[in-house]
């Protein structure tokens, strides 16, 4: 597996991973919300982020997207979760950023646990205006 900065412009594989992983991780939000957001992810969010991918044999297994010091996305294809891909992406980001902040849904227990294990701390709580769901802001300082 290789982790590297993504320099391409074909966002289809990444948005497919994002959609499938989002629907599975956020079963408390209707899948129609994520499906309606896919085009914006592909055309707006990812192209304006610093994106790192993990790939193996030319297949993208997961990715992260940073906007300034904010981890806007970290997603691993569901069939490859639990294999250290998220940890590899986060390790790469820690080399490049002295401060990383992120928002995560309070109900996404596995993600909250993952980030807590990686030394992130909850610094505030709020409500995601798009979904009405409670979320944590976590930071690695």
C-alpha atoms as a PDB file:
ATOM      1  CA  UNK A   1       0.000   0.000   0.000  1.00  0.00           C
ATOM      2  CA  UNK A   2       1.207   3.460  -0.866  1.00  0.00           C
ATOM      3  CA  UNK A   3       0.070   6.774   0.602  1.00  0.00           C
ATOM      4  CA  UNK A   4       0.634   9.794  -1.608  1.00  0.00           C
ATOM      5  CA  UNK A   5      -0.609  13.223  -2.556  1.00  0.00           C
ATOM      6  CA  UNK A   6      -3.301  12.914  -5.208  1.00  0.00           C
ATOM      7  CA  UNK A   7      -2.419  14.951  -8.275  1.00  0.00           C
ATOM      8  CA  UNK A   8      -5.120  13.697 -10.610  1.00  0.00           C
ATOM      9  CA  UNK A   9      -8.440  15.226 -11.485  1.00  0.00           C
ATOM     10  CA  UNK A  10     -10.635  12.126 -11.824  1.00  0.00           C
ATOM     11  CA  UNK A  11     -12.699  12.315  -8.661  1.00  0.00           C
ATOM     12  CA  UNK A  12     -15.084   9.451  -9.476  1.00  0.00           C
ATOM     13  CA  UNK A  13     -13.293   6.724  -7.478  1.00  0.00           C
ATOM     14  CA  UNK A  14     -12.957   9.020  -4.473  1.00  0.00           C
ATOM     15  CA  UNK A  15     -16.573  10.174  -4.523  1.00  0.00           C
ATOM     16  CA  UNK A  16     -17.719   6.554  -4.870  1.00  0.00           C
ATOM     17  CA  UNK A  17     -15.711   5.643  -1.743  1.00  0.00           C
ATOM     18  CA  UNK A  18     -17.041   8.736   0.030  1.00  0.00           C
ATOM     19  CA  UNK A  19     -20.663   7.891  -0.776  1.00  0.00           C
ATOM     20  CA  UNK A  20     -20.501   4.216   0.169  1.00  0.00           C
ATOM     21  CA  UNK A  21     -18.564   4.861   3.384  1.00  0.00           C
ATOM     22  CA  UNK A  22     -20.787   7.825   4.338  1.00  0.00           C
ATOM     23  CA  UNK A  23     -24.004   5.857   3.937  1.00  0.00           C
ATOM     24  CA  UNK A  24     -22.607   2.995   6.052  1.00  0.00           C
ATOM     25  CA  UNK A  25     -21.020   5.131   8.780  1.00  0.00           C
ATOM     26  CA  UNK A  26     -23.949   7.515   9.077  1.00  0.00           C
ATOM     27  CA  UNK A  27     -26.961   5.224   9.118  1.00  0.00           C
ATOM     28  CA  UNK A  28     -28.720   7.826  11.272  1.00  0.00           C
ATOM     29  CA  UNK A  29     -28.845  10.191   8.264  1.00  0.00           C
ATOM     30  CA  UNK A  30     -30.963   9.282   5.201  1.00  0.00           C
ATOM     31  CA  UNK A  31     -28.834   7.992   2.314  1.00  0.00           C
ATOM     32  CA  UNK A  32     -30.640  10.472   0.056  1.00  0.00           C
ATOM     33  CA  UNK A  33     -28.774  13.283   1.875  1.00  0.00           C
ATOM     34  CA  UNK A  34     -25.406  11.792   0.870  1.00  0.00           C
ATOM     35  CA  UNK A  35     -26.541  10.993  -2.673  1.00  0.00           C
ATOM     36  CA  UNK A  36     -27.692  14.606  -3.125  1.00  0.00           C
ATOM     37  CA  UNK A  37     -24.274  15.836  -1.920  1.00  0.00           C
ATOM     38  CA  UNK A  38     -22.138  13.640  -4.204  1.00  0.00           C
ATOM     39  CA  UNK A  39     -21.891  16.119  -7.080  1.00  0.00           C
ATOM     40  CA  UNK A  40     -20.767  18.939  -4.764  1.00  0.00           C
ATOM     41  CA  UNK A  41     -18.148  16.636  -3.247  1.00  0.00           C
ATOM     42  CA  UNK A  42     -16.848  15.816  -6.726  1.00  0.00           C
ATOM     43  CA  UNK A  43     -16.953  19.293  -8.251  1.00  0.00           C
ATOM     44  CA  UNK A  44     -16.399  21.656  -5.306  1.00  0.00           C
ATOM     45  CA  UNK A  45     -14.997  20.111  -2.135  1.00  0.00           C
ATOM     46  CA  UNK A  46     -12.379  17.631  -3.356  1.00  0.00           C
ATOM     47  CA  UNK A  47     -10.860  19.864  -6.061  1.00  0.00           C
ATOM     48  CA  UNK A  48     -10.318  22.607  -3.443  1.00  0.00           C
ATOM     49  CA  UNK A  49      -8.681  20.309  -0.887  1.00  0.00           C
ATOM     50  CA  UNK A  50      -5.247  18.799  -0.427  1.00  0.00           C
ATOM     51  CA  UNK A  51      -6.061  15.144  -1.040  1.00  0.00           C
ATOM     52  CA  UNK A  52      -3.984  12.124  -0.068  1.00  0.00           C
ATOM     53  CA  UNK A  53      -4.840   8.638  -1.267  1.00  0.00           C
ATOM     54  CA  UNK A  54      -3.853   5.122  -0.322  1.00  0.00           C
ATOM     55  CA  UNK A  55      -3.706   2.835  -3.288  1.00  0.00           C
ATOM     56  CA  UNK A  56      -2.675  -0.705  -4.003  1.00  0.00           C
ATOM     57  CA  UNK A  57      -2.165  -2.092  -7.501  1.00  0.00           C
ATOM     58  CA  UNK A  58      -3.688   1.076  -8.963  1.00  0.00           C
ATOM     59  CA  UNK A  59      -6.877   0.827  -6.884  1.00  0.00           C
ATOM     60  CA  UNK A  60      -7.724   3.678  -4.506  1.00  0.00           C
ATOM     61  CA  UNK A  61      -8.607   2.167  -1.126  1.00  0.00           C
ATOM     62  CA  UNK A  62      -9.105   5.363   0.870  1.00  0.00           C
ATOM     63  CA  UNK A  63      -8.439   9.078   0.953  1.00  0.00           C
ATOM     64  CA  UNK A  64      -8.188  12.139   3.149  1.00  0.00           C
ATOM     65  CA  UNK A  65      -8.928  15.757   2.274  1.00  0.00           C
ATOM     66  CA  UNK A  66      -7.445  18.728   4.129  1.00  0.00           C
ATOM     67  CA  UNK A  67      -8.601  22.339   3.892  1.00  0.00           C
ATOM     68  CA  UNK A  68      -6.031  24.472   5.712  1.00  0.00           C
ATOM     69  CA  UNK A  69      -5.670  22.693   9.091  1.00  0.00           C
ATOM     70  CA  UNK A  70      -9.091  21.023   8.918  1.00  0.00           C
ATOM     71  CA  UNK A  71      -9.462  17.360   8.097  1.00  0.00           C
ATOM     72  CA  UNK A  72     -12.562  17.699   5.942  1.00  0.00           C
ATOM     73  CA  UNK A  73     -12.687  14.014   4.973  1.00  0.00           C
ATOM     74  CA  UNK A  74     -11.090  10.697   5.827  1.00  0.00           C
ATOM     75  CA  UNK A  75     -12.823   7.777   4.170  1.00  0.00           C
ATOM     76  CA  UNK A  76     -11.848   4.176   3.492  1.00  0.00           C
ATOM     77  CA  UNK A  77     -13.798   1.899   1.188  1.00  0.00           C
ATOM     78  CA  UNK A  78     -15.957  -0.317   3.442  1.00  0.00           C
ATOM     79  CA  UNK A  79     -14.424  -3.528   2.060  1.00  0.00           C
ATOM     80  CA  UNK A  80     -10.960  -2.301   3.112  1.00  0.00           C
ATOM     81  CA  UNK A  81     -11.788  -0.887   6.548  1.00  0.00           C
ATOM     82  CA  UNK A  82      -9.928  -2.283   9.548  1.00  0.00           C
ATOM     83  CA  UNK A  83      -6.706  -2.809   7.583  1.00  0.00           C
ATOM     84  CA  UNK A  84      -4.788   0.249   8.794  1.00  0.00           C
ATOM     85  CA  UNK A  85      -5.584   2.485   5.818  1.00  0.00           C
ATOM     86  CA  UNK A  86      -7.147   5.262   7.904  1.00  0.00           C
ATOM     87  CA  UNK A  87      -4.186   5.110  10.282  1.00  0.00           C
ATOM     88  CA  UNK A  88      -1.766   5.337   7.355  1.00  0.00           C
ATOM     89  CA  UNK A  89      -3.543   8.413   5.996  1.00  0.00           C
ATOM     90  CA  UNK A  90      -3.596  10.074   9.402  1.00  0.00           C
ATOM     91  CA  UNK A  91       0.075   9.273   9.970  1.00  0.00           C
ATOM     92  CA  UNK A  92       0.937  10.988   6.681  1.00  0.00           C
ATOM     93  CA  UNK A  93      -1.079  14.063   7.648  1.00  0.00           C
ATOM     94  CA  UNK A  94       0.586  14.248  11.073  1.00  0.00           C
ATOM     95  CA  UNK A  95       3.955  14.566   9.296  1.00  0.00           C
ATOM     96  CA  UNK A  96       2.769  17.621   7.396  1.00  0.00           C
ATOM     97  CA  UNK A  97       0.454  19.414   9.837  1.00  0.00           C
ATOM     98  CA  UNK A  98       1.270  20.469  13.392  1.00  0.00           C
ATOM     99  CA  UNK A  99      -2.417  21.099  14.147  1.00  0.00           C
ATOM    100  CA  UNK A 100      -5.328  19.102  12.734  1.00  0.00           C
ATOM    101  CA  UNK A 101      -8.968  19.793  13.507  1.00  0.00           C
ATOM    102  CA  UNK A 102     -12.089  17.913  12.379  1.00  0.00           C
ATOM    103  CA  UNK A 103     -15.814  17.582  12.912  1.00  0.00           C
ATOM    104  CA  UNK A 104     -17.361  14.178  13.532  1.00  0.00           C
ATOM    105  CA  UNK A 105     -20.935  13.180  14.264  1.00  0.00           C
ATOM    106  CA  UNK A 106     -21.473  12.235  17.892  1.00  0.00           C
ATOM    107  CA  UNK A 107     -23.420   9.139  16.782  1.00  0.00           C
ATOM    108  CA  UNK A 108     -20.507   7.944  14.610  1.00  0.00           C
ATOM    109  CA  UNK A 109     -19.073   6.007  17.538  1.00  0.00           C
ATOM    110  CA  UNK A 110     -16.426   4.107  15.564  1.00  0.00           C
ATOM    111  CA  UNK A 111     -14.979   7.333  14.128  1.00  0.00           C
ATOM    112  CA  UNK A 112     -15.006   9.068  17.520  1.00  0.00           C
ATOM    113  CA  UNK A 113     -13.187   6.065  18.987  1.00  0.00           C
ATOM    114  CA  UNK A 114     -10.679   6.014  16.094  1.00  0.00           C
ATOM    115  CA  UNK A 115      -9.786   9.691  16.485  1.00  0.00           C
ATOM    116  CA  UNK A 116      -9.629   9.410  20.281  1.00  0.00           C
ATOM    117  CA  UNK A 117      -7.170   6.513  19.931  1.00  0.00           C
ATOM    118  CA  UNK A 118      -5.094   8.726  17.635  1.00  0.00           C
ATOM    119  CA  UNK A 119      -4.809  11.406  20.386  1.00  0.00           C
ATOM    120  CA  UNK A 120      -7.544  13.753  19.188  1.00  0.00           C
ATOM    121  CA  UNK A 121      -9.475  15.550  21.919  1.00  0.00           C
ATOM    122  CA  UNK A 122     -13.000  16.968  21.860  1.00  0.00           C
ATOM    123  CA  UNK A 123     -12.667  20.753  22.011  1.00  0.00           C
ATOM    124  CA  UNK A 124     -16.312  21.697  21.429  1.00  0.00           C
ATOM    125  CA  UNK A 125     -19.759  20.356  20.603  1.00  0.00           C
ATOM    126  CA  UNK A 126     -22.332  21.685  18.195  1.00  0.00           C
ATOM    127  CA  UNK A 127     -25.055  20.895  15.693  1.00  0.00           C
ATOM    128  CA  UNK A 128     -24.415  20.294  11.990  1.00  0.00           C
ATOM    129  CA  UNK A 129     -26.757  22.796  10.337  1.00  0.00           C
ATOM    130  CA  UNK A 130     -27.159  20.608   7.234  1.00  0.00           C
ATOM    131  CA  UNK A 131     -28.365  17.512   9.090  1.00  0.00           C
ATOM    132  CA  UNK A 132     -29.437  18.708  12.537  1.00  0.00           C
ATOM    133  CA  UNK A 133     -27.143  16.069  14.064  1.00  0.00           C
ATOM    134  CA  UNK A 134     -24.916  16.675  17.079  1.00  0.00           C
ATOM    135  CA  UNK A 135     -21.220  16.743  16.304  1.00  0.00           C
ATOM    136  CA  UNK A 136     -17.895  17.096  18.040  1.00  0.00           C
ATOM    137  CA  UNK A 137     -15.064  19.321  16.967  1.00  0.00           C
ATOM    138  CA  UNK A 138     -11.901  17.383  17.754  1.00  0.00           C
ATOM    139  CA  UNK A 139      -8.313  18.545  17.514  1.00  0.00           C
ATOM    140  CA  UNK A 140      -4.821  17.137  17.522  1.00  0.00           C
ATOM    141  CA  UNK A 141      -2.615  19.825  19.014  1.00  0.00           C
END
